[in-house]
N, C-alpha and C. Protein backbone atom coordinates (compact mmCIF):
# COMPACT_ATOMS: atom_id res chain seq x y z
N UNK A 1 -89.66 -14.79 -65.25
CA UNK A 1 -89.81 -14.10 -63.99
C UNK A 1 -89.06 -14.86 -62.91
N UNK A 2 -88.26 -14.14 -62.11
CA UNK A 2 -87.47 -14.79 -61.06
C UNK A 2 -88.31 -15.03 -59.83
N UNK A 3 -88.07 -16.18 -59.22
CA UNK A 3 -88.78 -16.53 -58.01
C UNK A 3 -88.13 -15.81 -56.83
N UNK A 4 -88.92 -15.30 -55.90
CA UNK A 4 -88.42 -14.58 -54.75
C UNK A 4 -87.66 -15.53 -53.82
N UNK A 5 -86.52 -15.06 -53.33
CA UNK A 5 -85.73 -15.86 -52.39
C UNK A 5 -86.27 -15.59 -51.00
N UNK A 6 -86.63 -16.68 -50.31
CA UNK A 6 -87.21 -16.56 -48.97
C UNK A 6 -86.18 -17.02 -47.95
N UNK A 7 -85.97 -16.20 -46.94
CA UNK A 7 -85.07 -16.54 -45.85
C UNK A 7 -85.86 -17.42 -44.88
N UNK A 8 -85.67 -18.72 -44.97
CA UNK A 8 -86.44 -19.66 -44.15
C UNK A 8 -86.05 -19.57 -42.67
N UNK A 9 -84.82 -19.19 -42.40
CA UNK A 9 -84.39 -19.04 -41.02
C UNK A 9 -85.14 -17.88 -40.36
N UNK A 10 -85.27 -16.77 -41.10
CA UNK A 10 -85.95 -15.59 -40.54
C UNK A 10 -87.43 -15.83 -40.30
N UNK A 11 -88.04 -16.69 -41.10
CA UNK A 11 -89.49 -16.95 -40.96
C UNK A 11 -89.76 -18.20 -40.12
N UNK A 12 -88.74 -18.81 -39.60
CA UNK A 12 -88.88 -20.03 -38.82
C UNK A 12 -89.51 -19.74 -37.46
N UNK A 13 -90.12 -20.78 -36.88
CA UNK A 13 -90.68 -20.68 -35.54
C UNK A 13 -89.62 -20.92 -34.46
N UNK A 14 -88.40 -21.19 -34.89
CA UNK A 14 -87.31 -21.44 -33.95
C UNK A 14 -87.06 -20.23 -33.07
N UNK A 15 -86.89 -20.51 -31.78
CA UNK A 15 -86.49 -19.47 -30.83
C UNK A 15 -84.99 -19.62 -30.60
N UNK A 16 -84.31 -18.53 -30.35
CA UNK A 16 -82.87 -18.57 -30.10
C UNK A 16 -82.62 -18.15 -28.66
N UNK A 17 -81.86 -18.97 -27.96
CA UNK A 17 -81.42 -18.64 -26.60
C UNK A 17 -79.92 -18.41 -26.68
N UNK A 18 -79.50 -17.17 -26.49
CA UNK A 18 -78.10 -16.80 -26.63
C UNK A 18 -77.54 -16.40 -25.27
N UNK A 19 -76.67 -17.24 -24.73
CA UNK A 19 -76.07 -16.96 -23.43
C UNK A 19 -75.28 -15.66 -23.43
N UNK A 20 -74.78 -15.27 -24.58
CA UNK A 20 -74.04 -14.02 -24.67
C UNK A 20 -74.92 -12.81 -24.33
N UNK A 21 -76.22 -12.93 -24.58
CA UNK A 21 -77.15 -11.85 -24.23
C UNK A 21 -77.19 -11.60 -22.73
N UNK A 22 -76.84 -12.60 -21.95
CA UNK A 22 -76.91 -12.51 -20.49
C UNK A 22 -75.54 -12.39 -19.84
N UNK A 23 -74.51 -12.24 -20.65
CA UNK A 23 -73.14 -12.16 -20.13
C UNK A 23 -73.04 -10.99 -19.16
N UNK A 24 -72.68 -11.27 -17.92
CA UNK A 24 -72.57 -10.19 -16.93
C UNK A 24 -71.42 -9.24 -17.29
N UNK A 25 -71.76 -8.00 -17.57
CA UNK A 25 -70.74 -7.02 -17.94
C UNK A 25 -69.93 -6.63 -16.70
N UNK A 26 -68.68 -6.35 -16.91
CA UNK A 26 -67.81 -5.92 -15.82
C UNK A 26 -66.40 -6.43 -16.03
N UNK A 27 -65.49 -5.82 -15.32
CA UNK A 27 -64.08 -6.17 -15.43
C UNK A 27 -63.81 -7.46 -14.66
N UNK A 28 -63.12 -8.39 -15.32
CA UNK A 28 -62.71 -9.63 -14.68
C UNK A 28 -61.21 -9.56 -14.41
N UNK A 29 -60.82 -9.93 -13.20
CA UNK A 29 -59.42 -9.85 -12.81
C UNK A 29 -58.99 -11.14 -12.13
N UNK A 30 -57.83 -11.62 -12.53
CA UNK A 30 -57.23 -12.79 -11.90
C UNK A 30 -56.19 -12.31 -10.91
N UNK A 31 -56.31 -12.68 -9.64
CA UNK A 31 -55.29 -12.37 -8.65
C UNK A 31 -54.45 -13.63 -8.47
N UNK A 32 -53.16 -13.48 -8.73
CA UNK A 32 -52.23 -14.61 -8.67
C UNK A 32 -51.50 -14.60 -7.33
N UNK A 33 -51.76 -15.61 -6.53
CA UNK A 33 -51.11 -15.74 -5.22
C UNK A 33 -49.59 -15.88 -5.36
N UNK A 34 -49.13 -16.38 -6.50
CA UNK A 34 -47.69 -16.59 -6.70
C UNK A 34 -46.88 -15.31 -6.51
N UNK A 35 -47.50 -14.16 -6.75
CA UNK A 35 -46.78 -12.89 -6.59
C UNK A 35 -46.33 -12.65 -5.15
N UNK A 36 -46.96 -13.32 -4.20
CA UNK A 36 -46.62 -13.13 -2.80
C UNK A 36 -45.87 -14.33 -2.20
N UNK A 37 -45.49 -15.27 -3.03
CA UNK A 37 -44.77 -16.45 -2.54
C UNK A 37 -43.26 -16.24 -2.67
N UNK A 38 -42.53 -16.78 -1.74
CA UNK A 38 -41.07 -16.74 -1.81
C UNK A 38 -40.62 -17.57 -3.00
N UNK A 39 -39.92 -16.91 -3.93
CA UNK A 39 -39.46 -17.53 -5.19
C UNK A 39 -40.61 -18.18 -5.96
N UNK A 40 -41.83 -17.70 -5.74
CA UNK A 40 -42.99 -18.17 -6.49
C UNK A 40 -43.54 -19.51 -6.04
N UNK A 41 -42.91 -20.13 -5.03
CA UNK A 41 -43.33 -21.48 -4.65
C UNK A 41 -43.57 -21.71 -3.16
N UNK A 42 -43.06 -20.85 -2.33
CA UNK A 42 -43.13 -21.11 -0.90
C UNK A 42 -43.91 -20.01 -0.20
N UNK A 43 -44.95 -20.40 0.52
CA UNK A 43 -45.71 -19.43 1.28
C UNK A 43 -45.12 -19.33 2.67
N UNK A 44 -44.62 -18.14 2.97
CA UNK A 44 -44.13 -17.86 4.32
C UNK A 44 -45.18 -16.95 4.94
N UNK A 45 -45.79 -17.43 6.01
CA UNK A 45 -47.00 -16.78 6.53
C UNK A 45 -46.82 -15.31 6.88
N UNK A 46 -45.82 -14.99 7.65
CA UNK A 46 -45.67 -13.60 8.10
C UNK A 46 -45.47 -12.64 6.92
N UNK A 47 -44.52 -12.90 6.01
CA UNK A 47 -44.36 -12.00 4.85
C UNK A 47 -45.61 -11.97 3.95
N UNK A 48 -46.30 -13.10 3.86
CA UNK A 48 -47.52 -13.17 3.05
C UNK A 48 -48.58 -12.23 3.64
N UNK A 49 -48.81 -12.33 4.93
CA UNK A 49 -49.79 -11.46 5.60
C UNK A 49 -49.41 -9.98 5.46
N UNK A 50 -48.13 -9.68 5.61
CA UNK A 50 -47.66 -8.29 5.48
C UNK A 50 -47.88 -7.77 4.07
N UNK A 51 -47.58 -8.60 3.07
CA UNK A 51 -47.76 -8.19 1.67
C UNK A 51 -49.24 -7.93 1.37
N UNK A 52 -50.12 -8.75 1.93
CA UNK A 52 -51.55 -8.55 1.71
C UNK A 52 -52.03 -7.25 2.36
N UNK A 53 -51.50 -6.93 3.54
CA UNK A 53 -51.87 -5.69 4.22
C UNK A 53 -51.42 -4.46 3.42
N UNK A 54 -50.28 -4.56 2.77
CA UNK A 54 -49.72 -3.43 2.02
C UNK A 54 -50.29 -3.30 0.61
N UNK A 55 -50.92 -4.33 0.11
CA UNK A 55 -51.45 -4.33 -1.27
C UNK A 55 -52.60 -3.33 -1.40
N UNK A 56 -52.71 -2.67 -2.54
CA UNK A 56 -53.79 -1.72 -2.80
C UNK A 56 -55.02 -2.47 -3.31
N UNK A 57 -55.91 -2.82 -2.42
CA UNK A 57 -57.10 -3.59 -2.78
C UNK A 57 -58.16 -2.73 -3.46
N UNK A 58 -58.06 -1.43 -3.34
CA UNK A 58 -59.07 -0.55 -3.96
C UNK A 58 -59.04 -0.64 -5.48
N UNK A 59 -57.96 -1.13 -6.06
CA UNK A 59 -57.88 -1.28 -7.51
C UNK A 59 -58.87 -2.30 -8.06
N UNK A 60 -59.46 -3.10 -7.19
CA UNK A 60 -60.42 -4.12 -7.61
C UNK A 60 -61.87 -3.67 -7.40
N UNK A 61 -62.06 -2.40 -7.14
CA UNK A 61 -63.40 -1.85 -6.91
C UNK A 61 -64.31 -2.19 -8.10
N UNK A 62 -65.39 -2.93 -7.79
CA UNK A 62 -66.38 -3.29 -8.81
C UNK A 62 -65.97 -4.41 -9.75
N UNK A 63 -64.83 -5.02 -9.55
CA UNK A 63 -64.36 -6.11 -10.42
C UNK A 63 -64.99 -7.44 -10.02
N UNK A 64 -65.02 -8.35 -10.99
CA UNK A 64 -65.26 -9.76 -10.72
C UNK A 64 -63.86 -10.35 -10.57
N UNK A 65 -63.59 -11.06 -9.47
CA UNK A 65 -62.23 -11.50 -9.16
C UNK A 65 -62.15 -13.01 -9.02
N UNK A 66 -61.12 -13.58 -9.66
CA UNK A 66 -60.78 -14.99 -9.50
C UNK A 66 -59.42 -15.05 -8.79
N UNK A 67 -59.33 -15.85 -7.76
CA UNK A 67 -58.07 -15.99 -7.01
C UNK A 67 -57.48 -17.35 -7.35
N UNK A 68 -56.24 -17.36 -7.80
CA UNK A 68 -55.58 -18.61 -8.15
C UNK A 68 -54.09 -18.49 -7.97
N UNK A 69 -53.39 -19.52 -8.39
CA UNK A 69 -51.93 -19.52 -8.33
C UNK A 69 -51.39 -20.09 -9.64
N UNK A 70 -50.50 -19.34 -10.27
CA UNK A 70 -49.98 -19.72 -11.58
C UNK A 70 -48.81 -20.71 -11.50
N UNK A 71 -48.34 -20.99 -10.29
CA UNK A 71 -47.24 -21.95 -10.16
C UNK A 71 -47.78 -23.25 -9.57
N UNK A 72 -46.91 -24.24 -9.50
CA UNK A 72 -47.30 -25.54 -8.94
C UNK A 72 -47.10 -25.59 -7.43
N UNK A 73 -47.07 -24.43 -6.80
CA UNK A 73 -46.87 -24.37 -5.35
C UNK A 73 -48.02 -25.05 -4.62
N UNK A 74 -47.68 -25.69 -3.52
CA UNK A 74 -48.70 -26.27 -2.65
C UNK A 74 -49.03 -25.18 -1.63
N UNK A 75 -50.25 -24.70 -1.70
CA UNK A 75 -50.66 -23.56 -0.89
C UNK A 75 -51.71 -24.03 0.11
N UNK A 76 -51.60 -23.61 1.37
CA UNK A 76 -52.64 -23.98 2.34
C UNK A 76 -53.98 -23.36 1.97
N UNK A 77 -55.06 -24.03 2.32
CA UNK A 77 -56.40 -23.59 1.95
C UNK A 77 -56.72 -22.19 2.48
N UNK A 78 -56.14 -21.83 3.60
CA UNK A 78 -56.45 -20.53 4.18
C UNK A 78 -55.89 -19.37 3.37
N UNK A 79 -54.90 -19.62 2.51
CA UNK A 79 -54.24 -18.54 1.76
C UNK A 79 -55.20 -17.82 0.81
N UNK A 80 -55.91 -18.58 0.00
CA UNK A 80 -56.88 -17.96 -0.92
C UNK A 80 -58.01 -17.30 -0.14
N UNK A 81 -58.38 -17.90 0.97
CA UNK A 81 -59.44 -17.32 1.81
C UNK A 81 -58.98 -15.99 2.39
N UNK A 82 -57.73 -15.91 2.80
CA UNK A 82 -57.20 -14.65 3.33
C UNK A 82 -57.15 -13.57 2.25
N UNK A 83 -56.76 -13.94 1.04
CA UNK A 83 -56.79 -12.99 -0.07
C UNK A 83 -58.23 -12.51 -0.29
N UNK A 84 -59.17 -13.45 -0.25
CA UNK A 84 -60.59 -13.10 -0.43
C UNK A 84 -61.07 -12.13 0.64
N UNK A 85 -60.64 -12.32 1.87
CA UNK A 85 -61.02 -11.42 2.96
C UNK A 85 -60.63 -9.98 2.62
N UNK A 86 -59.47 -9.82 2.02
CA UNK A 86 -58.98 -8.48 1.68
C UNK A 86 -59.70 -7.88 0.47
N UNK A 87 -60.01 -8.70 -0.52
CA UNK A 87 -60.58 -8.16 -1.77
C UNK A 87 -62.10 -8.04 -1.74
N UNK A 88 -62.78 -8.83 -0.91
CA UNK A 88 -64.25 -8.85 -0.88
C UNK A 88 -64.90 -7.48 -0.64
N UNK A 89 -64.34 -6.63 0.19
CA UNK A 89 -65.00 -5.33 0.38
C UNK A 89 -65.06 -4.48 -0.89
N UNK A 90 -64.27 -4.82 -1.89
CA UNK A 90 -64.18 -4.02 -3.11
C UNK A 90 -64.77 -4.71 -4.33
N UNK A 91 -64.67 -6.01 -4.39
CA UNK A 91 -65.07 -6.77 -5.59
C UNK A 91 -66.57 -7.04 -5.61
N UNK A 92 -67.10 -7.21 -6.82
CA UNK A 92 -68.52 -7.57 -7.00
C UNK A 92 -68.75 -9.04 -6.70
N UNK A 93 -67.73 -9.86 -7.03
CA UNK A 93 -67.83 -11.31 -6.84
C UNK A 93 -66.41 -11.84 -6.74
N UNK A 94 -66.20 -12.81 -5.87
CA UNK A 94 -64.88 -13.42 -5.70
C UNK A 94 -65.04 -14.94 -5.73
N UNK A 95 -64.20 -15.60 -6.53
CA UNK A 95 -64.16 -17.06 -6.55
C UNK A 95 -62.70 -17.52 -6.50
N UNK A 96 -62.50 -18.75 -6.10
CA UNK A 96 -61.18 -19.35 -6.18
C UNK A 96 -61.16 -20.15 -7.48
N UNK A 97 -60.15 -19.89 -8.31
CA UNK A 97 -60.04 -20.60 -9.57
C UNK A 97 -59.60 -19.67 -10.69
N UNK A 98 -59.99 -20.04 -11.90
CA UNK A 98 -59.60 -19.30 -13.10
C UNK A 98 -60.69 -18.30 -13.48
N UNK A 99 -60.41 -17.52 -14.50
CA UNK A 99 -61.43 -16.60 -15.02
C UNK A 99 -62.62 -17.39 -15.60
N UNK A 100 -62.35 -18.56 -16.15
CA UNK A 100 -63.45 -19.40 -16.65
C UNK A 100 -64.31 -19.88 -15.48
N UNK A 101 -63.67 -20.25 -14.37
CA UNK A 101 -64.43 -20.63 -13.17
C UNK A 101 -65.29 -19.46 -12.70
N UNK A 102 -64.76 -18.28 -12.79
CA UNK A 102 -65.50 -17.08 -12.40
C UNK A 102 -66.74 -16.90 -13.28
N UNK A 103 -66.56 -17.00 -14.60
CA UNK A 103 -67.70 -16.86 -15.50
C UNK A 103 -68.73 -17.97 -15.28
N UNK A 104 -68.26 -19.17 -14.99
CA UNK A 104 -69.17 -20.27 -14.69
C UNK A 104 -70.00 -19.94 -13.46
N UNK A 105 -69.36 -19.42 -12.42
CA UNK A 105 -70.07 -19.05 -11.19
C UNK A 105 -71.09 -17.95 -11.46
N UNK A 106 -70.73 -17.00 -12.30
CA UNK A 106 -71.66 -15.90 -12.62
C UNK A 106 -72.90 -16.43 -13.34
N UNK A 107 -72.70 -17.33 -14.29
CA UNK A 107 -73.85 -17.92 -15.00
C UNK A 107 -74.68 -18.80 -14.07
N UNK A 108 -74.03 -19.51 -13.15
CA UNK A 108 -74.79 -20.36 -12.21
C UNK A 108 -75.70 -19.53 -11.32
N UNK A 109 -75.31 -18.31 -11.02
CA UNK A 109 -76.16 -17.40 -10.25
C UNK A 109 -77.26 -16.80 -11.12
N UNK A 110 -76.92 -16.47 -12.35
CA UNK A 110 -77.83 -15.76 -13.23
C UNK A 110 -78.93 -16.65 -13.83
N UNK A 111 -78.56 -17.81 -14.32
CA UNK A 111 -79.52 -18.64 -15.07
C UNK A 111 -80.78 -19.01 -14.30
N UNK A 112 -80.72 -19.31 -13.01
CA UNK A 112 -81.97 -19.63 -12.30
C UNK A 112 -82.94 -18.44 -12.18
N UNK A 113 -82.45 -17.23 -12.42
CA UNK A 113 -83.31 -16.05 -12.27
C UNK A 113 -84.05 -15.67 -13.55
N UNK A 114 -83.74 -16.32 -14.67
CA UNK A 114 -84.35 -15.96 -15.95
C UNK A 114 -85.74 -16.56 -16.10
N UNK A 115 -86.54 -15.93 -16.96
CA UNK A 115 -87.88 -16.41 -17.29
C UNK A 115 -87.78 -17.28 -18.54
N UNK A 116 -88.08 -18.55 -18.41
CA UNK A 116 -87.98 -19.48 -19.52
C UNK A 116 -89.34 -19.75 -20.19
N UNK A 117 -90.39 -19.12 -19.71
CA UNK A 117 -91.72 -19.38 -20.28
C UNK A 117 -91.83 -19.02 -21.76
N UNK A 118 -91.10 -18.06 -22.30
CA UNK A 118 -91.21 -17.80 -23.75
C UNK A 118 -90.78 -18.99 -24.62
N UNK A 119 -90.07 -19.94 -24.04
CA UNK A 119 -89.58 -21.10 -24.78
C UNK A 119 -90.45 -22.33 -24.61
N UNK A 120 -91.56 -22.19 -23.91
CA UNK A 120 -92.43 -23.32 -23.63
C UNK A 120 -92.98 -23.92 -24.93
N UNK A 121 -92.77 -25.24 -25.08
CA UNK A 121 -93.26 -26.02 -26.22
C UNK A 121 -92.78 -25.51 -27.57
N UNK A 122 -91.63 -24.88 -27.61
CA UNK A 122 -91.09 -24.36 -28.87
C UNK A 122 -89.78 -25.06 -29.22
N UNK A 123 -89.50 -25.13 -30.53
CA UNK A 123 -88.17 -25.58 -30.94
C UNK A 123 -87.19 -24.45 -30.65
N UNK A 124 -86.02 -24.81 -30.16
CA UNK A 124 -85.08 -23.82 -29.65
C UNK A 124 -83.68 -24.09 -30.15
N UNK A 125 -82.96 -23.02 -30.41
CA UNK A 125 -81.53 -23.13 -30.71
C UNK A 125 -80.77 -22.50 -29.55
N UNK A 126 -79.91 -23.27 -28.96
CA UNK A 126 -78.99 -22.77 -27.94
C UNK A 126 -77.77 -22.27 -28.72
N UNK A 127 -77.71 -20.95 -28.89
CA UNK A 127 -76.68 -20.37 -29.75
C UNK A 127 -75.30 -20.69 -29.21
N UNK A 128 -74.44 -21.18 -30.09
CA UNK A 128 -73.14 -21.65 -29.66
C UNK A 128 -71.96 -20.82 -30.07
N UNK A 129 -72.14 -19.89 -30.96
CA UNK A 129 -71.01 -19.06 -31.38
C UNK A 129 -71.03 -17.77 -30.58
N UNK A 130 -70.04 -17.61 -29.73
CA UNK A 130 -70.01 -16.45 -28.85
C UNK A 130 -68.77 -15.61 -29.09
N UNK A 131 -68.94 -14.31 -28.97
CA UNK A 131 -67.81 -13.40 -29.05
C UNK A 131 -67.28 -13.08 -27.66
N UNK A 132 -68.07 -13.40 -26.67
CA UNK A 132 -67.67 -13.21 -25.28
C UNK A 132 -67.30 -14.58 -24.72
N UNK A 133 -66.50 -14.63 -23.67
CA UNK A 133 -66.05 -15.92 -23.15
C UNK A 133 -67.12 -16.66 -22.33
N UNK A 134 -68.08 -17.24 -23.03
CA UNK A 134 -69.12 -18.02 -22.37
C UNK A 134 -68.54 -19.42 -22.10
N UNK A 135 -68.44 -19.82 -20.84
CA UNK A 135 -67.84 -21.13 -20.54
C UNK A 135 -68.76 -22.28 -20.94
N UNK A 136 -68.15 -23.39 -21.29
CA UNK A 136 -68.89 -24.59 -21.70
C UNK A 136 -69.89 -25.01 -20.62
N UNK A 137 -69.50 -24.87 -19.37
CA UNK A 137 -70.38 -25.24 -18.27
C UNK A 137 -71.68 -24.44 -18.26
N UNK A 138 -71.64 -23.22 -18.79
CA UNK A 138 -72.85 -22.39 -18.83
C UNK A 138 -73.89 -22.99 -19.79
N UNK A 139 -73.44 -23.62 -20.86
CA UNK A 139 -74.37 -24.27 -21.79
C UNK A 139 -75.06 -25.45 -21.12
N UNK A 140 -74.30 -26.21 -20.36
CA UNK A 140 -74.87 -27.34 -19.64
C UNK A 140 -75.87 -26.85 -18.60
N UNK A 141 -75.51 -25.80 -17.90
CA UNK A 141 -76.41 -25.22 -16.89
C UNK A 141 -77.69 -24.69 -17.55
N UNK A 142 -77.55 -24.06 -18.71
CA UNK A 142 -78.73 -23.55 -19.42
C UNK A 142 -79.66 -24.69 -19.81
N UNK A 143 -79.11 -25.82 -20.20
CA UNK A 143 -79.93 -26.98 -20.56
C UNK A 143 -80.80 -27.44 -19.40
N UNK A 144 -80.30 -27.27 -18.19
CA UNK A 144 -81.06 -27.66 -17.01
C UNK A 144 -82.39 -26.93 -16.93
N UNK A 145 -82.42 -25.70 -17.40
CA UNK A 145 -83.64 -24.89 -17.35
C UNK A 145 -84.43 -24.94 -18.65
N UNK A 146 -83.75 -25.13 -19.77
CA UNK A 146 -84.43 -25.13 -21.07
C UNK A 146 -85.09 -26.47 -21.40
N UNK A 147 -84.43 -27.56 -21.05
CA UNK A 147 -84.94 -28.89 -21.40
C UNK A 147 -86.35 -29.16 -20.87
N UNK A 148 -86.69 -28.78 -19.64
CA UNK A 148 -88.04 -29.05 -19.17
C UNK A 148 -89.14 -28.25 -19.90
N UNK A 149 -88.78 -27.16 -20.57
CA UNK A 149 -89.82 -26.34 -21.20
C UNK A 149 -89.85 -26.45 -22.72
N UNK A 150 -88.71 -26.56 -23.36
CA UNK A 150 -88.65 -26.55 -24.83
C UNK A 150 -89.11 -27.87 -25.42
N UNK A 151 -89.68 -27.78 -26.62
CA UNK A 151 -90.09 -29.00 -27.34
C UNK A 151 -88.86 -29.72 -27.89
N UNK A 152 -87.92 -28.92 -28.43
CA UNK A 152 -86.67 -29.48 -28.92
C UNK A 152 -85.59 -28.42 -28.77
N UNK A 153 -84.33 -28.90 -28.68
CA UNK A 153 -83.20 -27.98 -28.52
C UNK A 153 -82.08 -28.43 -29.44
N UNK A 154 -81.57 -27.45 -30.19
CA UNK A 154 -80.42 -27.67 -31.04
C UNK A 154 -79.32 -26.71 -30.59
N UNK A 155 -78.08 -27.04 -30.93
CA UNK A 155 -76.94 -26.22 -30.52
C UNK A 155 -76.28 -25.66 -31.76
N UNK A 156 -75.92 -24.38 -31.72
CA UNK A 156 -75.17 -23.78 -32.81
C UNK A 156 -75.91 -22.61 -33.42
N UNK A 157 -75.95 -22.60 -34.74
CA UNK A 157 -76.64 -21.57 -35.52
C UNK A 157 -77.73 -22.25 -36.34
N UNK A 158 -78.73 -21.48 -36.75
CA UNK A 158 -79.86 -22.05 -37.49
C UNK A 158 -79.41 -22.76 -38.76
N UNK A 159 -78.35 -22.27 -39.39
CA UNK A 159 -77.88 -22.87 -40.64
C UNK A 159 -77.11 -24.17 -40.44
N UNK A 160 -76.64 -24.41 -39.23
CA UNK A 160 -75.83 -25.61 -38.98
C UNK A 160 -75.98 -26.08 -37.54
N UNK A 161 -77.20 -26.29 -37.12
CA UNK A 161 -77.45 -26.67 -35.73
C UNK A 161 -77.32 -28.18 -35.52
N UNK A 162 -76.84 -28.52 -34.34
CA UNK A 162 -76.69 -29.92 -33.95
C UNK A 162 -77.82 -30.26 -32.98
N UNK A 163 -78.64 -31.28 -33.29
CA UNK A 163 -79.72 -31.64 -32.36
C UNK A 163 -79.18 -32.13 -31.02
N UNK A 164 -79.76 -31.63 -29.94
CA UNK A 164 -79.38 -32.06 -28.59
C UNK A 164 -80.49 -32.81 -27.88
N UNK A 165 -81.72 -32.32 -28.06
CA UNK A 165 -82.81 -32.85 -27.27
C UNK A 165 -84.12 -32.71 -28.05
N UNK A 166 -84.95 -33.75 -27.96
CA UNK A 166 -86.30 -33.69 -28.50
C UNK A 166 -87.21 -34.38 -27.51
N UNK A 167 -88.24 -33.64 -27.07
CA UNK A 167 -89.17 -34.19 -26.08
C UNK A 167 -89.89 -35.41 -26.69
N UNK A 168 -89.96 -36.50 -25.95
CA UNK A 168 -90.69 -37.67 -26.45
C UNK A 168 -92.18 -37.35 -26.61
N UNK A 169 -92.78 -37.94 -27.63
CA UNK A 169 -94.21 -37.69 -27.88
C UNK A 169 -95.09 -38.55 -27.01
């Protein structure tokens, strides 16, 4: 008689915290200031302001927007702020930086609003394999809220988790 195969992971008391479950849905757009620079490197104020006035900002309606520059141009601090002034009436969120910086900012807003009580005194896996672009900083931020409540925290998948934290006895 064959012995029944038991899925120990499925019957485990481990809780899984998956940042992908909380990934803010929506279109992410990078606005590159270089498109408005003379030869991609020089910001000339008057033409820059004119180009921003003529740009169709409605195309960013409901988008999450990151403002950056793809060239090594030295840009005054007010330039990204001026772009933000134009896009803010349409965008859901605007940050200066990369799309990863944008996702990091979204998680920094979201994570403090979650209920962590289901993880109280439980062993936990902070799921690490994501199909969505969850930034590394989001895992660190999640630890800030999970560590005070969880008994232990591992990173990865149940079959190959790496221990991160165990509450002292």
